[in-house]
N, C-alpha and C. Protein backbone atom coordinates (compact mmCIF):
# COMPACT_ATOMS: atom_id res chain seq x y z
N MET A 1 46.78 106.25 85.73
CA MET A 1 47.96 106.12 84.83
C MET A 1 49.13 105.52 85.58
N THR A 2 49.77 104.52 84.99
CA THR A 2 50.94 103.91 85.65
C THR A 2 52.14 104.61 85.43
N ARG A 3 53.03 104.55 86.31
CA ARG A 3 54.34 105.19 86.28
C ARG A 3 55.34 104.37 85.48
N LYS A 4 56.04 105.05 84.61
CA LYS A 4 57.07 104.36 83.82
C LYS A 4 58.24 104.01 84.65
N HIS A 5 58.69 102.82 84.68
CA HIS A 5 59.87 102.35 85.42
C HIS A 5 60.96 101.98 84.47
N THR A 6 62.18 102.53 84.68
CA THR A 6 63.27 102.16 83.77
C THR A 6 64.48 101.84 84.68
N ILE A 7 65.41 101.08 84.02
CA ILE A 7 66.69 100.77 84.72
C ILE A 7 67.76 101.40 83.76
N ARG A 8 68.65 102.10 84.41
CA ARG A 8 69.77 102.73 83.70
C ARG A 8 71.00 101.86 83.82
N LEU A 9 71.59 101.45 82.79
CA LEU A 9 72.86 100.59 82.82
C LEU A 9 73.88 101.38 81.92
N GLY A 10 74.62 102.15 82.55
CA GLY A 10 75.59 102.95 81.81
C GLY A 10 74.85 104.00 80.97
N LYS A 11 74.97 103.94 79.68
CA LYS A 11 74.28 104.88 78.80
C LYS A 11 72.93 104.33 78.30
N TYR A 12 72.60 103.08 78.67
CA TYR A 12 71.39 102.45 78.17
C TYR A 12 70.35 102.50 79.22
N ARG A 13 69.14 102.63 78.71
CA ARG A 13 67.87 102.60 79.61
C ARG A 13 66.96 101.50 79.12
N LEU A 14 66.52 100.71 80.06
CA LEU A 14 65.60 99.59 79.79
C LEU A 14 64.27 99.91 80.43
N GLN A 15 63.19 99.80 79.61
CA GLN A 15 61.86 100.12 80.15
C GLN A 15 61.34 98.75 80.80
N LEU A 16 60.71 98.98 81.97
CA LEU A 16 60.06 97.83 82.65
C LEU A 16 58.55 98.03 82.62
N PRO A 17 57.87 96.85 82.74
CA PRO A 17 56.37 96.95 82.76
C PRO A 17 55.85 97.84 83.96
N GLY A 18 54.74 98.37 83.83
CA GLY A 18 54.12 99.19 84.85
C GLY A 18 53.54 98.36 86.02
N SER A 19 53.27 97.11 85.76
CA SER A 19 52.63 96.33 86.74
C SER A 19 53.69 95.71 87.75
N ARG A 20 53.48 95.87 89.04
CA ARG A 20 54.41 95.44 90.04
C ARG A 20 54.52 93.94 90.07
N PRO A 21 53.49 93.15 89.97
CA PRO A 21 53.65 91.68 90.00
C PRO A 21 54.50 91.16 88.77
N VAL A 22 54.34 91.82 87.60
CA VAL A 22 55.15 91.40 86.45
C VAL A 22 56.55 91.71 86.71
N ARG A 23 56.87 92.94 87.23
CA ARG A 23 58.28 93.24 87.49
C ARG A 23 58.90 92.29 88.49
N VAL A 24 58.21 91.99 89.52
CA VAL A 24 58.73 91.00 90.58
C VAL A 24 58.95 89.62 89.93
N LEU A 25 58.05 89.25 89.07
CA LEU A 25 58.20 87.95 88.38
C LEU A 25 59.42 87.97 87.50
N ILE A 26 59.61 89.02 86.75
CA ILE A 26 60.78 89.19 85.85
C ILE A 26 62.06 89.19 86.70
N GLY A 27 62.11 89.79 87.79
CA GLY A 27 63.25 89.83 88.71
C GLY A 27 63.56 88.44 89.25
N ILE A 28 62.59 87.79 89.66
CA ILE A 28 62.74 86.36 90.19
C ILE A 28 63.23 85.45 89.05
N LEU A 29 62.62 85.56 87.90
CA LEU A 29 63.08 84.68 86.79
C LEU A 29 64.51 84.97 86.37
N LEU A 30 64.89 86.25 86.36
CA LEU A 30 66.33 86.60 86.01
C LEU A 30 67.24 85.96 87.07
N ILE A 31 66.89 86.01 88.32
CA ILE A 31 67.77 85.37 89.33
C ILE A 31 67.84 83.90 89.20
N LEU A 32 66.70 83.25 89.02
CA LEU A 32 66.68 81.81 88.88
C LEU A 32 67.45 81.41 87.66
N CYS A 33 67.33 82.06 86.52
CA CYS A 33 68.00 81.68 85.30
C CYS A 33 69.53 82.01 85.44
N GLY A 34 69.86 83.00 86.27
CA GLY A 34 71.23 83.30 86.55
C GLY A 34 72.06 82.21 87.25
N PHE A 35 71.28 81.39 88.04
CA PHE A 35 71.88 80.32 88.64
C PHE A 35 72.25 79.15 87.63
N LEU A 36 71.70 79.24 86.45
CA LEU A 36 72.08 78.32 85.39
C LEU A 36 73.12 78.92 84.46
N GLY A 37 73.99 79.74 85.01
CA GLY A 37 74.97 80.50 84.25
C GLY A 37 75.95 79.64 83.46
N PHE A 38 76.11 78.40 83.87
CA PHE A 38 77.06 77.55 83.11
C PHE A 38 76.54 77.23 81.77
N LEU A 39 75.23 77.40 81.50
CA LEU A 39 74.64 77.10 80.22
C LEU A 39 74.84 78.13 79.17
N PRO A 40 74.84 77.91 77.91
CA PRO A 40 74.99 78.93 76.83
C PRO A 40 73.78 79.96 77.00
N ILE A 41 74.03 81.21 76.64
CA ILE A 41 73.11 82.34 76.63
C ILE A 41 72.79 82.79 78.08
N LEU A 42 72.30 81.88 78.96
CA LEU A 42 72.04 82.22 80.38
C LEU A 42 73.38 82.52 80.95
N GLY A 43 73.47 83.49 81.84
CA GLY A 43 74.71 83.78 82.51
C GLY A 43 74.57 84.27 83.89
N PHE A 44 75.68 84.32 84.60
CA PHE A 44 75.64 84.80 85.97
C PHE A 44 75.28 86.25 86.03
N TRP A 45 75.38 87.04 84.92
CA TRP A 45 75.06 88.47 84.90
C TRP A 45 73.60 88.61 85.25
N MET A 46 72.79 87.59 85.06
CA MET A 46 71.36 87.67 85.33
C MET A 46 70.95 87.87 86.79
N VAL A 47 71.85 87.36 87.66
CA VAL A 47 71.54 87.50 89.13
C VAL A 47 71.53 88.93 89.57
N PRO A 48 72.60 89.69 89.31
CA PRO A 48 72.52 91.13 89.69
C PRO A 48 71.49 91.93 88.91
N MET A 49 71.17 91.58 87.65
CA MET A 49 70.14 92.27 86.99
C MET A 49 68.83 91.99 87.57
N GLY A 50 68.60 90.76 88.00
CA GLY A 50 67.30 90.45 88.67
C GLY A 50 67.16 91.19 89.99
N LEU A 51 68.26 91.32 90.73
CA LEU A 51 68.23 92.10 91.95
C LEU A 51 67.98 93.61 91.72
N VAL A 52 68.47 94.15 90.63
CA VAL A 52 68.19 95.52 90.28
C VAL A 52 66.73 95.65 89.96
N VAL A 53 66.15 94.71 89.21
CA VAL A 53 64.71 94.79 88.89
C VAL A 53 63.92 94.70 90.17
N LEU A 54 64.22 93.78 91.07
CA LEU A 54 63.55 93.63 92.31
C LEU A 54 63.65 94.88 93.21
N SER A 55 64.75 95.60 93.12
CA SER A 55 65.01 96.77 93.98
C SER A 55 64.03 97.88 93.73
N ILE A 56 63.31 97.85 92.64
CA ILE A 56 62.31 98.88 92.36
C ILE A 56 61.13 98.71 93.26
N ASP A 57 60.79 97.46 93.60
CA ASP A 57 59.62 97.21 94.39
C ASP A 57 59.80 96.71 95.80
N LEU A 58 60.99 96.20 96.06
CA LEU A 58 61.25 95.57 97.40
C LEU A 58 62.25 96.40 98.20
N PRO A 59 61.80 96.98 99.33
CA PRO A 59 62.72 97.94 100.06
C PRO A 59 63.90 97.29 100.58
N PHE A 60 63.90 95.97 101.02
CA PHE A 60 65.13 95.39 101.57
C PHE A 60 66.20 95.16 100.47
N VAL A 61 65.73 94.91 99.26
CA VAL A 61 66.65 94.77 98.12
C VAL A 61 67.22 96.16 97.72
N ARG A 62 66.32 97.14 97.78
CA ARG A 62 66.72 98.51 97.49
C ARG A 62 67.89 98.98 98.43
N ARG A 63 67.73 98.67 99.76
CA ARG A 63 68.70 99.15 100.67
C ARG A 63 70.04 98.41 100.36
N GLY A 64 70.04 97.17 100.02
CA GLY A 64 71.30 96.50 99.67
C GLY A 64 71.94 97.12 98.40
N ARG A 65 71.07 97.43 97.41
CA ARG A 65 71.56 98.03 96.19
C ARG A 65 72.23 99.38 96.44
N ARG A 66 71.58 100.15 97.29
CA ARG A 66 72.02 101.45 97.68
C ARG A 66 73.34 101.36 98.42
N LYS A 67 73.50 100.44 99.33
CA LYS A 67 74.80 100.26 100.01
C LYS A 67 75.94 99.91 99.07
N VAL A 68 75.59 99.08 98.08
CA VAL A 68 76.62 98.75 97.07
C VAL A 68 76.98 100.01 96.21
N GLU A 69 76.00 100.77 95.86
CA GLU A 69 76.25 101.99 95.10
C GLU A 69 77.13 102.91 95.84
N VAL A 70 76.85 103.15 97.14
CA VAL A 70 77.67 104.04 97.98
C VAL A 70 79.10 103.50 98.09
N TRP A 71 79.24 102.18 98.36
CA TRP A 71 80.51 101.61 98.47
C TRP A 71 81.26 101.73 97.15
N TRP A 72 80.66 101.49 96.02
CA TRP A 72 81.31 101.59 94.78
C TRP A 72 81.75 103.00 94.47
N GLY A 73 80.92 103.92 94.76
CA GLY A 73 81.30 105.35 94.56
C GLY A 73 82.42 105.81 95.42
N LYS A 74 82.48 105.43 96.67
CA LYS A 74 83.65 105.69 97.50
C LYS A 74 84.93 105.04 97.01
N ARG A 75 84.77 103.75 96.60
CA ARG A 75 85.94 103.09 96.09
C ARG A 75 86.50 103.72 94.81
N LYS A 76 85.61 104.16 93.94
CA LYS A 76 85.99 104.83 92.70
C LYS A 76 86.62 106.23 93.01
N ALA A 77 86.12 106.92 93.94
CA ALA A 77 86.70 108.17 94.34
C ALA A 77 88.07 107.98 94.97
N ARG A 78 88.25 106.96 95.82
CA ARG A 78 89.52 106.67 96.46
C ARG A 78 90.57 106.31 95.38
N LYS A 79 90.19 105.51 94.43
CA LYS A 79 91.13 105.17 93.42
C LYS A 79 91.52 106.32 92.52
N ALA A 80 90.58 107.22 92.25
CA ALA A 80 90.90 108.47 91.50
C ALA A 80 91.85 109.38 92.24
N ALA A 81 91.62 109.46 93.58
CA ALA A 81 92.54 110.29 94.40
C ALA A 81 93.86 109.70 94.48
N GLN A 82 94.00 108.36 94.53
CA GLN A 82 95.27 107.75 94.61
C GLN A 82 96.00 107.91 93.28
N LYS A 83 95.30 107.75 92.20
CA LYS A 83 95.87 107.95 90.89
C LYS A 83 96.41 109.35 90.72
N ALA A 84 95.62 110.42 91.14
CA ALA A 84 96.07 111.79 91.06
C ALA A 84 97.33 112.00 91.90
N ALA A 85 97.33 111.45 93.13
CA ALA A 85 98.49 111.60 94.01
C ALA A 85 99.76 110.96 93.37
N ASN A 86 99.59 109.79 92.78
CA ASN A 86 100.68 109.15 92.16
C ASN A 86 101.22 109.97 90.92
N ALA A 87 100.31 110.56 90.19
CA ALA A 87 100.79 111.35 89.02
C ALA A 87 101.45 112.61 89.56
N ARG A 88 100.94 113.21 90.65
CA ARG A 88 101.60 114.41 91.24
C ARG A 88 103.00 114.09 91.73
N TRP A 89 103.10 112.95 92.38
CA TRP A 89 104.38 112.51 92.90
C TRP A 89 105.39 112.29 91.72
N ALA A 90 104.92 111.60 90.67
CA ALA A 90 105.78 111.31 89.56
C ALA A 90 106.24 112.64 88.84
N LYS A 91 105.32 113.59 88.80
CA LYS A 91 105.67 114.89 88.20
C LYS A 91 106.76 115.60 89.01
N GLU A 92 106.56 115.57 90.27
CA GLU A 92 107.59 116.25 91.16
C GLU A 92 108.92 115.48 91.12
N ALA A 93 108.93 114.16 90.99
CA ALA A 93 110.19 113.40 90.84
C ALA A 93 110.88 113.71 89.58
N ASP A 94 110.14 113.92 88.49
CA ASP A 94 110.73 114.33 87.22
C ASP A 94 111.39 115.71 87.29
N LYS A 95 110.75 116.62 88.02
CA LYS A 95 111.25 117.93 88.15
C LYS A 95 112.59 117.96 88.90
N GLU A 96 112.80 117.08 89.77
CA GLU A 96 113.99 116.98 90.61
C GLU A 96 115.19 116.52 89.80
N LYS A 97 114.84 115.79 88.73
CA LYS A 97 115.98 115.23 87.91
C LYS A 97 116.65 116.20 87.09
C-alpha cells in the first residue's frame, strides 16, 4: 500500500501521487514552467511550489525548505514581539498623559 502524500498550503491540502517518479516529474515541471512566469497562467509561483513538491523526495531540497520554515517562524515571532512591545509602549505613553 502506498503512502498518501499531501502538501498543506495554509488551510488547503493538495493530494500528490503515491509514485515517487511522478512526484519528482511534477516538481521539475512546475519549476520549469515557473521560469516562464511572464506568460499568462504560468507564473513565478510555480518555482517554490515545485520545490515544495520535490522536498518530499529529495533530502537536500527538504533541508533548504526546513531552513526557510525556521527562518520564517523566527521572523514572524520577532515581528509579533516587536508589535506587542510597541503596543505596550503606546499604552504606557497614553497613561502618562
